[in-house]
All heavy atoms as atom14 arrays in JSON, in Angstrom:
{
  "sequence": "DVRNGAIHKVDIGQKAEVKLNVLGRALPAERYSVTVDDEVLQIFRQGD",
  "atom14_mask": [
    [1, 1, 1, 1, 1, 1, 1, 1, 0, 0, 0, 0, 0, 0],
    [1, 1, 1, 1, 1, 1, 1, 0, 0, 0, 0, 0, 0, 0],
    [1, 1, 1, 1, 1, 1, 1, 1, 1, 1, 1, 0, 0, 0],
    [1, 1, 1, 1, 1, 1, 1, 1, 0, 0, 0, 0, 0, 0],
    [1, 1, 1, 1, 0, 0, 0, 0, 0, 0, 0, 0, 0, 0],
    [1, 1, 1, 1, 1, 0, 0, 0, 0, 0, 0, 0, 0, 0],
    [1, 1, 1, 1, 1, 1, 1, 1, 0, 0, 0, 0, 0, 0],
    [1, 1, 1, 1, 1, 1, 1, 1, 1, 1, 0, 0, 0, 0],
    [1, 1, 1, 1, 1, 1, 1, 1, 1, 0, 0, 0, 0, 0],
    [1, 1, 1, 1, 1, 1, 1, 0, 0, 0, 0, 0, 0, 0],
    [1, 1, 1, 1, 1, 1, 1, 1, 0, 0, 0, 0, 0, 0],
    [1, 1, 1, 1, 1, 1, 1, 1, 0, 0, 0, 0, 0, 0],
    [1, 1, 1, 1, 0, 0, 0, 0, 0, 0, 0, 0, 0, 0],
    [1, 1, 1, 1, 1, 1, 1, 1, 1, 0, 0, 0, 0, 0],
    [1, 1, 1, 1, 1, 1, 1, 1, 1, 0, 0, 0, 0, 0],
    [1, 1, 1, 1, 1, 0, 0, 0, 0, 0, 0, 0, 0, 0],
    [1, 1, 1, 1, 1, 1, 1, 1, 1, 0, 0, 0, 0, 0],
    [1, 1, 1, 1, 1, 1, 1, 0, 0, 0, 0, 0, 0, 0],
    [1, 1, 1, 1, 1, 1, 1, 1, 1, 0, 0, 0, 0, 0],
    [1, 1, 1, 1, 1, 1, 1, 1, 0, 0, 0, 0, 0, 0],
    [1, 1, 1, 1, 1, 1, 1, 1, 0, 0, 0, 0, 0, 0],
    [1, 1, 1, 1, 1, 1, 1, 0, 0, 0, 0, 0, 0, 0],
    [1, 1, 1, 1, 1, 1, 1, 1, 0, 0, 0, 0, 0, 0],
    [1, 1, 1, 1, 0, 0, 0, 0, 0, 0, 0, 0, 0, 0],
    [1, 1, 1, 1, 1, 1, 1, 1, 1, 1, 1, 0, 0, 0],
    [1, 1, 1, 1, 1, 0, 0, 0, 0, 0, 0, 0, 0, 0],
    [1, 1, 1, 1, 1, 1, 1, 1, 0, 0, 0, 0, 0, 0],
    [1, 1, 1, 1, 1, 1, 1, 0, 0, 0, 0, 0, 0, 0],
    [1, 1, 1, 1, 1, 0, 0, 0, 0, 0, 0, 0, 0, 0],
    [1, 1, 1, 1, 1, 1, 1, 1, 1, 0, 0, 0, 0, 0],
    [1, 1, 1, 1, 1, 1, 1, 1, 1, 1, 1, 0, 0, 0],
    [1, 1, 1, 1, 1, 1, 1, 1, 1, 1, 1, 1, 0, 0],
    [1, 1, 1, 1, 1, 1, 0, 0, 0, 0, 0, 0, 0, 0],
    [1, 1, 1, 1, 1, 1, 1, 0, 0, 0, 0, 0, 0, 0],
    [1, 1, 1, 1, 1, 1, 1, 0, 0, 0, 0, 0, 0, 0],
    [1, 1, 1, 1, 1, 1, 1, 0, 0, 0, 0, 0, 0, 0],
    [1, 1, 1, 1, 1, 1, 1, 1, 0, 0, 0, 0, 0, 0],
    [1, 1, 1, 1, 1, 1, 1, 1, 0, 0, 0, 0, 0, 0],
    [1, 1, 1, 1, 1, 1, 1, 1, 1, 0, 0, 0, 0, 0],
    [1, 1, 1, 1, 1, 1, 1, 0, 0, 0, 0, 0, 0, 0],
    [1, 1, 1, 1, 1, 1, 1, 1, 0, 0, 0, 0, 0, 0],
    [1, 1, 1, 1, 1, 1, 1, 1, 1, 0, 0, 0, 0, 0],
    [1, 1, 1, 1, 1, 1, 1, 1, 0, 0, 0, 0, 0, 0],
    [1, 1, 1, 1, 1, 1, 1, 1, 1, 1, 1, 0, 0, 0],
    [1, 1, 1, 1, 1, 1, 1, 1, 1, 1, 1, 0, 0, 0],
    [1, 1, 1, 1, 1, 1, 1, 1, 1, 0, 0, 0, 0, 0],
    [1, 1, 1, 1, 0, 0, 0, 0, 0, 0, 0, 0, 0, 0],
    [1, 1, 1, 1, 1, 1, 1, 1, 0, 0, 0, 0, 0, 0]
  ],
  "atom14_positions": [
    [[0.89, -1.17, -0.05], [0.0, -0.05, 0.06], [0.95, 1.26, 0.0], [1.58, 1.56, 0.94], [-0.88, -0.01, 1.26], [-1.9, 1.09, 1.26], [-1.7, 2.11, 0.61], [-2.95, 0.97, 1.98], [0.0, 0.0, 0.0], [0.0, 0.0, 0.0], [0.0, 0.0, 0.0], [0.0, 0.0, 0.0], [0.0, 0.0, 0.0], [0.0, 0.0, 0.0]],
    [[0.93, 1.92, -1.12], [1.87, 2.96, -1.27], [1.53, 4.21, -0.38], [2.3, 5.12, -0.22], [2.11, 3.49, -2.78], [2.79, 2.36, -3.56], [0.87, 3.86, -3.33], [0.0, 0.0, 0.0], [0.0, 0.0, 0.0], [0.0, 0.0, 0.0], [0.0, 0.0, 0.0], [0.0, 0.0, 0.0], [0.0, 0.0, 0.0], [0.0, 0.0, 0.0]],
    [[0.32, 4.23, 0.07], [-0.17, 5.35, 0.83], [0.44, 5.34, 2.23], [0.75, 6.43, 2.81], [-1.7, 5.47, 0.9], [-2.37, 5.56, -0.46], [-3.86, 5.49, -0.4], [-4.19, 4.16, 0.17], [-5.47, 3.79, 0.28], [-6.45, 4.64, 0.07], [-5.77, 2.52, 0.77], [0.0, 0.0, 0.0], [0.0, 0.0, 0.0], [0.0, 0.0, 0.0]],
    [[0.6, 4.15, 2.81], [1.08, 4.11, 4.2], [2.24, 3.11, 4.31], [2.7, 2.96, 5.46], [0.02, 3.74, 5.18], [-0.61, 2.38, 4.93], [-0.09, 1.6, 4.23], [-1.85, 2.34, 5.39], [0.0, 0.0, 0.0], [0.0, 0.0, 0.0], [0.0, 0.0, 0.0], [0.0, 0.0, 0.0], [0.0, 0.0, 0.0], [0.0, 0.0, 0.0]],
    [[2.72, 2.49, 3.24], [3.81, 1.51, 3.38], [3.5, 0.19, 3.95], [4.36, -0.64, 4.07], [0.0, 0.0, 0.0], [0.0, 0.0, 0.0], [0.0, 0.0, 0.0], [0.0, 0.0, 0.0], [0.0, 0.0, 0.0], [0.0, 0.0, 0.0], [0.0, 0.0, 0.0], [0.0, 0.0, 0.0], [0.0, 0.0, 0.0], [0.0, 0.0, 0.0]],
    [[2.23, -0.1, 4.18], [1.84, -1.42, 4.74], [1.82, -2.48, 3.58], [1.58, -2.26, 2.47], [0.42, -1.34, 5.3], [0.0, 0.0, 0.0], [0.0, 0.0, 0.0], [0.0, 0.0, 0.0], [0.0, 0.0, 0.0], [0.0, 0.0, 0.0], [0.0, 0.0, 0.0], [0.0, 0.0, 0.0], [0.0, 0.0, 0.0], [0.0, 0.0, 0.0]],
    [[2.26, -3.66, 4.07], [2.26, -4.8, 3.12], [1.1, -5.67, 3.45], [0.93, -6.06, 4.7], [3.63, -5.6, 3.2], [4.74, -4.61, 2.68], [3.54, -6.87, 2.41], [6.09, -5.18, 2.84], [0.0, 0.0, 0.0], [0.0, 0.0, 0.0], [0.0, 0.0, 0.0], [0.0, 0.0, 0.0], [0.0, 0.0, 0.0], [0.0, 0.0, 0.0]],
    [[0.29, -6.01, 2.55], [-0.91, -6.85, 2.78], [-0.7, -8.2, 2.1], [-0.28, -8.24, 0.97], [-2.21, -6.25, 2.22], [-2.4, -4.88, 2.86], [-3.03, -4.77, 4.03], [-2.16, -3.64, 2.42], [-3.06, -3.47, 4.38], [-2.57, -2.7, 3.38], [0.0, 0.0, 0.0], [0.0, 0.0, 0.0], [0.0, 0.0, 0.0], [0.0, 0.0, 0.0]],
    [[-1.11, -9.27, 2.79], [-1.13, -10.62, 2.23], [-2.46, -10.81, 1.45], [-3.53, -10.48, 1.99], [-1.02, -11.67, 3.33], [-1.06, -13.07, 2.79], [-0.98, -14.1, 3.95], [-1.2, -15.49, 3.45], [-1.41, -16.38, 4.5], [0.0, 0.0, 0.0], [0.0, 0.0, 0.0], [0.0, 0.0, 0.0], [0.0, 0.0, 0.0], [0.0, 0.0, 0.0]],
    [[-2.35, -11.2, 0.22], [-3.52, -11.4, -0.67], [-3.5, -12.76, -1.2], [-2.48, -13.31, -1.57], [-3.49, -10.32, -1.75], [-4.57, -10.57, -2.72], [-3.41, -8.94, -1.19], [0.0, 0.0, 0.0], [0.0, 0.0, 0.0], [0.0, 0.0, 0.0], [0.0, 0.0, 0.0], [0.0, 0.0, 0.0], [0.0, 0.0, 0.0], [0.0, 0.0, 0.0]],
    [[-4.73, -13.39, -1.17], [-4.89, -14.72, -1.73], [-6.03, -14.69, -2.8], [-7.14, -14.32, -2.41], [-5.12, -15.79, -0.75], [-5.18, -17.22, -1.3], [-4.71, -17.43, -2.48], [-5.69, -18.08, -0.6], [0.0, 0.0, 0.0], [0.0, 0.0, 0.0], [0.0, 0.0, 0.0], [0.0, 0.0, 0.0], [0.0, 0.0, 0.0], [0.0, 0.0, 0.0]],
    [[-5.73, -14.86, -4.08], [-6.76, -14.77, -5.17], [-7.14, -16.23, -5.56], [-6.36, -16.98, -5.92], [-6.13, -13.99, -6.41], [-5.71, -12.6, -5.95], [-7.24, -13.95, -7.46], [-4.95, -11.86, -7.06], [0.0, 0.0, 0.0], [0.0, 0.0, 0.0], [0.0, 0.0, 0.0], [0.0, 0.0, 0.0], [0.0, 0.0, 0.0], [0.0, 0.0, 0.0]],
    [[-8.44, -16.56, -5.34], [-8.93, -17.82, -5.69], [-9.25, -17.9, -7.15], [-9.15, -16.93, -7.93], [0.0, 0.0, 0.0], [0.0, 0.0, 0.0], [0.0, 0.0, 0.0], [0.0, 0.0, 0.0], [0.0, 0.0, 0.0], [0.0, 0.0, 0.0], [0.0, 0.0, 0.0], [0.0, 0.0, 0.0], [0.0, 0.0, 0.0], [0.0, 0.0, 0.0]],
    [[-9.52, -19.18, -7.64], [-9.82, -19.4, -9.02], [-11.16, -18.74, -9.42], [-12.04, -18.59, -8.63], [-9.9, -20.94, -9.21], [-8.63, -21.68, -8.98], [-7.56, -21.32, -10.08], [-7.92, -21.12, -11.24], [-6.27, -21.38, -9.72], [0.0, 0.0, 0.0], [0.0, 0.0, 0.0], [0.0, 0.0, 0.0], [0.0, 0.0, 0.0], [0.0, 0.0, 0.0]],
    [[-11.2, -18.52, -10.67], [-12.49, -17.91, -11.25], [-13.52, -18.98, -11.18], [-13.36, -20.14, -11.51], [-12.29, -17.55, -12.67], [-13.48, -17.06, -13.44], [-13.21, -16.57, -14.88], [-12.75, -17.71, -15.73], [-12.61, -17.18, -17.11], [0.0, 0.0, 0.0], [0.0, 0.0, 0.0], [0.0, 0.0, 0.0], [0.0, 0.0, 0.0], [0.0, 0.0, 0.0]],
    [[-14.74, -18.52, -10.8], [-15.95, -19.48, -10.77], [-17.0, -18.81, -11.58], [-17.34, -17.63, -11.55], [-16.46, -19.67, -9.3], [0.0, 0.0, 0.0], [0.0, 0.0, 0.0], [0.0, 0.0, 0.0], [0.0, 0.0, 0.0], [0.0, 0.0, 0.0], [0.0, 0.0, 0.0], [0.0, 0.0, 0.0], [0.0, 0.0, 0.0], [0.0, 0.0, 0.0]],
    [[-17.57, -19.64, -12.58], [-18.77, -19.22, -13.38], [-19.95, -19.19, -12.55], [-20.29, -20.27, -11.95], [-18.82, -19.96, -14.6], [-17.62, -20.06, -15.51], [-17.25, -18.7, -16.21], [-18.21, -17.93, -16.42], [-16.15, -18.38, -16.45], [0.0, 0.0, 0.0], [0.0, 0.0, 0.0], [0.0, 0.0, 0.0], [0.0, 0.0, 0.0], [0.0, 0.0, 0.0]],
    [[-20.66, -18.07, -12.47], [-22.0, -17.96, -11.64], [-23.04, -17.31, -12.43], [-22.68, -16.76, -13.56], [-21.65, -17.22, -10.33], [-20.71, -18.04, -9.4], [-21.25, -15.8, -10.55], [0.0, 0.0, 0.0], [0.0, 0.0, 0.0], [0.0, 0.0, 0.0], [0.0, 0.0, 0.0], [0.0, 0.0, 0.0], [0.0, 0.0, 0.0], [0.0, 0.0, 0.0]],
    [[-24.23, -17.36, -11.99], [-25.3, -16.66, -12.59], [-25.86, -15.71, -11.49], [-26.14, -16.04, -10.39], [-26.33, -17.47, -13.1], [-25.83, -18.41, -14.24], [-26.92, -18.97, -15.08], [-26.46, -19.87, -16.11], [-25.49, -19.43, -16.98], [0.0, 0.0, 0.0], [0.0, 0.0, 0.0], [0.0, 0.0, 0.0], [0.0, 0.0, 0.0], [0.0, 0.0, 0.0]],
    [[-26.06, -14.41, -11.85], [-26.7, -13.48, -10.92], [-28.11, -13.14, -11.29], [-28.43, -13.12, -12.56], [-25.77, -12.16, -10.98], [-24.41, -12.32, -10.51], [-23.7, -10.86, -10.61], [-24.19, -12.82, -9.12], [0.0, 0.0, 0.0], [0.0, 0.0, 0.0], [0.0, 0.0, 0.0], [0.0, 0.0, 0.0], [0.0, 0.0, 0.0], [0.0, 0.0, 0.0]],
    [[-28.91, -13.02, -10.26], [-30.31, -12.74, -10.52], [-30.48, -11.23, -10.77], [-30.14, -10.36, -10.08], [-31.16, -13.1, -9.36], [-32.67, -12.75, -9.57], [-33.17, -12.78, -10.62], [-33.3, -12.52, -8.44], [0.0, 0.0, 0.0], [0.0, 0.0, 0.0], [0.0, 0.0, 0.0], [0.0, 0.0, 0.0], [0.0, 0.0, 0.0], [0.0, 0.0, 0.0]],
    [[-31.05, -10.92, -12.02], [-31.32, -9.57, -12.43], [-32.71, -9.48, -12.83], [-33.17, -9.91, -13.88], [-30.37, -9.05, -13.6], [-30.78, -7.61, -13.96], [-28.96, -9.18, -13.16], [0.0, 0.0, 0.0], [0.0, 0.0, 0.0], [0.0, 0.0, 0.0], [0.0, 0.0, 0.0], [0.0, 0.0, 0.0], [0.0, 0.0, 0.0], [0.0, 0.0, 0.0]],
    [[-33.58, -9.06, -11.85], [-35.1, -8.83, -12.18], [-35.7, -10.2, -12.66], [-36.38, -10.3, -13.59], [-35.4, -7.73, -13.08], [-34.79, -6.34, -12.64], [-34.99, -5.39, -13.69], [-35.64, -5.9, -11.35], [0.0, 0.0, 0.0], [0.0, 0.0, 0.0], [0.0, 0.0, 0.0], [0.0, 0.0, 0.0], [0.0, 0.0, 0.0], [0.0, 0.0, 0.0]],
    [[-35.26, -11.29, -12.06], [-35.87, -12.57, -12.41], [-35.01, -13.25, -13.54], [-35.53, -14.4, -13.97], [0.0, 0.0, 0.0], [0.0, 0.0, 0.0], [0.0, 0.0, 0.0], [0.0, 0.0, 0.0], [0.0, 0.0, 0.0], [0.0, 0.0, 0.0], [0.0, 0.0, 0.0], [0.0, 0.0, 0.0], [0.0, 0.0, 0.0], [0.0, 0.0, 0.0]],
    [[-34.08, -12.72, -14.11], [-33.36, -13.26, -15.31], [-31.92, -13.58, -14.82], [-31.42, -12.87, -13.94], [-33.35, -12.33, -16.45], [-34.72, -11.97, -16.91], [-34.79, -11.05, -18.06], [-34.46, -11.94, -19.26], [-34.2, -11.34, -20.45], [-34.3, -10.05, -20.55], [-33.94, -12.12, -21.51], [0.0, 0.0, 0.0], [0.0, 0.0, 0.0], [0.0, 0.0, 0.0]],
    [[-31.33, -14.57, -15.42], [-29.97, -14.99, -15.0], [-28.92, -14.28, -15.9], [-29.06, -14.25, -17.13], [-29.82, -16.54, -15.21], [0.0, 0.0, 0.0], [0.0, 0.0, 0.0], [0.0, 0.0, 0.0], [0.0, 0.0, 0.0], [0.0, 0.0, 0.0], [0.0, 0.0, 0.0], [0.0, 0.0, 0.0], [0.0, 0.0, 0.0], [0.0, 0.0, 0.0]],
    [[-28.01, -13.59, -15.19], [-26.88, -12.89, -15.85], [-25.63, -13.67, -15.61], [-25.21, -13.8, -14.38], [-26.75, -11.5, -15.37], [-25.59, -10.66, -15.75], [-25.88, -10.22, -17.26], [-25.41, -9.47, -14.82], [0.0, 0.0, 0.0], [0.0, 0.0, 0.0], [0.0, 0.0, 0.0], [0.0, 0.0, 0.0], [0.0, 0.0, 0.0], [0.0, 0.0, 0.0]],
    [[-25.03, -14.19, -16.69], [-23.75, -14.9, -16.48], [-22.58, -13.92, -15.91], [-22.57, -12.85, -16.41], [-23.3, -15.49, -17.82], [-24.19, -14.62, -18.8], [-25.31, -14.16, -18.06], [0.0, 0.0, 0.0], [0.0, 0.0, 0.0], [0.0, 0.0, 0.0], [0.0, 0.0, 0.0], [0.0, 0.0, 0.0], [0.0, 0.0, 0.0], [0.0, 0.0, 0.0]],
    [[-21.76, -14.43, -15.01], [-20.81, -13.56, -14.42], [-19.64, -14.52, -13.91], [-19.73, -15.78, -13.9], [-21.3, -12.79, -13.29], [0.0, 0.0, 0.0], [0.0, 0.0, 0.0], [0.0, 0.0, 0.0], [0.0, 0.0, 0.0], [0.0, 0.0, 0.0], [0.0, 0.0, 0.0], [0.0, 0.0, 0.0], [0.0, 0.0, 0.0], [0.0, 0.0, 0.0]],
    [[-18.58, -13.91, -13.54], [-17.46, -14.49, -12.91], [-17.3, -14.15, -11.52], [-17.49, -12.87, -11.22], [-16.14, -14.19, -13.73], [-16.15, -14.53, -15.16], [-15.13, -13.83, -15.95], [-14.5, -12.89, -15.29], [-14.93, -14.06, -17.1], [0.0, 0.0, 0.0], [0.0, 0.0, 0.0], [0.0, 0.0, 0.0], [0.0, 0.0, 0.0], [0.0, 0.0, 0.0]],
    [[-17.02, -15.13, -10.56], [-16.84, -14.7, -9.15], [-15.42, -15.11, -8.77], [-14.98, -16.19, -9.12], [-17.83, -15.46, -8.3], [-17.66, -15.05, -6.79], [-18.51, -15.92, -5.87], [-18.06, -17.31, -5.94], [-18.9, -18.3, -6.0], [-20.19, -18.18, -6.0], [-18.47, -19.58, -6.14], [0.0, 0.0, 0.0], [0.0, 0.0, 0.0], [0.0, 0.0, 0.0]],
    [[-14.77, -14.21, -8.11], [-13.42, -14.47, -7.59], [-13.5, -14.27, -6.08], [-13.96, -13.28, -5.62], [-12.34, -13.57, -8.14], [-12.13, -13.57, -9.6], [-12.91, -12.94, -10.52], [-11.08, -14.33, -10.11], [-12.8, -12.97, -11.9], [-10.88, -14.33, -11.48], [-11.7, -13.73, -12.34], [-11.45, -13.78, -13.67], [0.0, 0.0, 0.0], [0.0, 0.0, 0.0]],
    [[-12.97, -15.27, -5.34], [-12.84, -15.09, -3.87], [-11.47, -14.58, -3.62], [-10.45, -15.22, -3.97], [-12.99, -16.48, -3.19], [-12.96, -16.29, -1.85], [0.0, 0.0, 0.0], [0.0, 0.0, 0.0], [0.0, 0.0, 0.0], [0.0, 0.0, 0.0], [0.0, 0.0, 0.0], [0.0, 0.0, 0.0], [0.0, 0.0, 0.0], [0.0, 0.0, 0.0]],
    [[-11.39, -13.46, -2.97], [-10.1, -12.75, -2.73], [-10.03, -12.45, -1.22], [-10.89, -11.89, -0.62], [-10.0, -11.37, -3.51], [-8.73, -10.7, -3.13], [-10.07, -11.65, -4.95], [0.0, 0.0, 0.0], [0.0, 0.0, 0.0], [0.0, 0.0, 0.0], [0.0, 0.0, 0.0], [0.0, 0.0, 0.0], [0.0, 0.0, 0.0], [0.0, 0.0, 0.0]],
    [[-8.92, -12.99, -0.57], [-8.69, -12.72, 0.81], [-7.61, -11.72, 0.93], [-6.49, -11.91, 0.43], [-8.27, -14.01, 1.54], [-9.28, -14.93, 1.33], [-8.08, -13.76, 3.04], [0.0, 0.0, 0.0], [0.0, 0.0, 0.0], [0.0, 0.0, 0.0], [0.0, 0.0, 0.0], [0.0, 0.0, 0.0], [0.0, 0.0, 0.0], [0.0, 0.0, 0.0]],
    [[-7.88, -10.62, 1.59], [-6.92, -9.56, 1.89], [-6.69, -9.48, 3.39], [-7.56, -9.21, 4.19], [-7.36, -8.14, 1.35], [-6.32, -7.09, 1.62], [-7.71, -8.24, -0.08], [0.0, 0.0, 0.0], [0.0, 0.0, 0.0], [0.0, 0.0, 0.0], [0.0, 0.0, 0.0], [0.0, 0.0, 0.0], [0.0, 0.0, 0.0], [0.0, 0.0, 0.0]],
    [[-5.52, -9.85, 3.78], [-5.16, -10.08, 5.23], [-6.12, -11.1, 5.65], [-6.08, -12.3, 5.33], [-5.17, -8.75, 5.97], [-4.04, -7.89, 5.5], [-2.96, -8.27, 5.11], [-4.27, -6.55, 5.56], [0.0, 0.0, 0.0], [0.0, 0.0, 0.0], [0.0, 0.0, 0.0], [0.0, 0.0, 0.0], [0.0, 0.0, 0.0], [0.0, 0.0, 0.0]],
    [[-7.13, -10.78, 6.54], [-8.07, -11.75, 7.11], [-9.49, -11.53, 6.58], [-10.39, -12.23, 6.98], [-8.01, -11.82, 8.59], [-6.77, -12.26, 9.15], [-6.12, -13.11, 8.54], [-6.39, -11.8, 10.18], [0.0, 0.0, 0.0], [0.0, 0.0, 0.0], [0.0, 0.0, 0.0], [0.0, 0.0, 0.0], [0.0, 0.0, 0.0], [0.0, 0.0, 0.0]],
    [[-9.69, -10.68, 5.62], [-11.03, -10.32, 5.18], [-11.23, -10.95, 3.8], [-10.47, -10.76, 2.91], [-11.2, -8.82, 5.05], [-12.64, -8.53, 4.71], [-12.96, -7.03, 4.92], [-12.08, -6.31, 5.45], [-14.05, -6.66, 4.54], [0.0, 0.0, 0.0], [0.0, 0.0, 0.0], [0.0, 0.0, 0.0], [0.0, 0.0, 0.0], [0.0, 0.0, 0.0]],
    [[-12.39, -11.66, 3.71], [-12.69, -12.34, 2.48], [-13.64, -11.41, 1.62], [-14.66, -11.02, 2.12], [-13.36, -13.73, 2.65], [-13.74, -14.38, 1.37], [-12.36, -14.62, 3.41], [0.0, 0.0, 0.0], [0.0, 0.0, 0.0], [0.0, 0.0, 0.0], [0.0, 0.0, 0.0], [0.0, 0.0, 0.0], [0.0, 0.0, 0.0], [0.0, 0.0, 0.0]],
    [[-13.38, -11.27, 0.33], [-14.17, -10.46, -0.56], [-14.65, -11.42, -1.72], [-13.77, -12.23, -2.17], [-13.37, -9.32, -1.16], [-12.83, -8.28, -0.21], [-11.86, -7.42, -1.05], [-13.85, -7.45, 0.45], [0.0, 0.0, 0.0], [0.0, 0.0, 0.0], [0.0, 0.0, 0.0], [0.0, 0.0, 0.0], [0.0, 0.0, 0.0], [0.0, 0.0, 0.0]],
    [[-15.82, -11.2, -2.17], [-16.27, -11.95, -3.37], [-16.37, -10.77, -4.46], [-17.07, -9.79, -4.22], [-17.61, -12.57, -3.22], [-17.58, -13.62, -1.98], [-16.83, -14.76, -2.35], [-16.72, -15.25, -3.42], [-16.14, -15.33, -1.41], [0.0, 0.0, 0.0], [0.0, 0.0, 0.0], [0.0, 0.0, 0.0], [0.0, 0.0, 0.0], [0.0, 0.0, 0.0]],
    [[-15.58, -10.91, -5.54], [-15.57, -9.97, -6.61], [-16.31, -10.58, -7.78], [-15.97, -11.61, -8.24], [-14.19, -9.55, -6.88], [-13.53, -8.88, -5.66], [-14.17, -8.6, -8.08], [-12.08, -8.41, -5.8], [0.0, 0.0, 0.0], [0.0, 0.0, 0.0], [0.0, 0.0, 0.0], [0.0, 0.0, 0.0], [0.0, 0.0, 0.0], [0.0, 0.0, 0.0]],
    [[-17.27, -9.85, -8.24], [-18.06, -10.27, -9.4], [-17.74, -9.44, -10.66], [-17.79, -8.15, -10.54], [-19.58, -10.15, -9.08], [-20.0, -11.06, -8.0], [-19.87, -10.68, -6.67], [-20.48, -12.39, -8.14], [-20.33, -11.48, -5.55], [-20.87, -13.13, -7.16], [-20.7, -12.71, -5.83], [0.0, 0.0, 0.0], [0.0, 0.0, 0.0], [0.0, 0.0, 0.0]],
    [[-17.42, -10.17, -11.75], [-17.09, -9.46, -12.98], [-17.82, -10.02, -14.16], [-18.27, -11.26, -14.05], [-15.62, -9.57, -13.29], [-14.78, -8.87, -12.3], [-13.29, -9.23, -12.54], [-12.87, -8.93, -13.86], [-12.18, -7.84, -14.21], [-11.92, -6.9, -13.34], [-11.77, -7.63, -15.5], [0.0, 0.0, 0.0], [0.0, 0.0, 0.0], [0.0, 0.0, 0.0]],
    [[-17.98, -9.37, -15.2], [-18.48, -9.8, -16.51], [-17.52, -9.28, -17.53], [-17.51, -8.13, -17.9], [-19.89, -9.45, -16.74], [-20.44, -10.19, -18.05], [-21.88, -9.84, -18.28], [-22.22, -8.62, -18.35], [-22.75, -10.72, -18.4], [0.0, 0.0, 0.0], [0.0, 0.0, 0.0], [0.0, 0.0, 0.0], [0.0, 0.0, 0.0], [0.0, 0.0, 0.0]],
    [[-16.54, -10.2, -17.94], [-15.52, -9.68, -18.85], [-14.64, -8.67, -18.08], [-14.23, -8.9, -17.0], [0.0, 0.0, 0.0], [0.0, 0.0, 0.0], [0.0, 0.0, 0.0], [0.0, 0.0, 0.0], [0.0, 0.0, 0.0], [0.0, 0.0, 0.0], [0.0, 0.0, 0.0], [0.0, 0.0, 0.0], [0.0, 0.0, 0.0], [0.0, 0.0, 0.0]],
    [[-14.48, -7.52, -18.7], [-13.7, -6.4, -18.07], [-14.48, -5.53, -17.19], [-13.96, -4.68, -16.45], [-13.11, -5.5, -19.09], [-12.02, -6.22, -19.9], [-11.46, -7.19, -19.47], [-11.7, -5.75, -21.06], [0.0, 0.0, 0.0], [0.0, 0.0, 0.0], [0.0, 0.0, 0.0], [0.0, 0.0, 0.0], [0.0, 0.0, 0.0], [0.0, 0.0, 0.0]]
  ]
}
């Protein structure tokens, strides 16, 4: 982290293909499980 010089441990999980509910319709997306230090984030993307 260039703002404060802290070093963070990050673990990026494999991409998982998922479907997200959008007003009753399925939207294909990718989910990544990312752990930053001890906090787990789910990041959802569709392409870029």
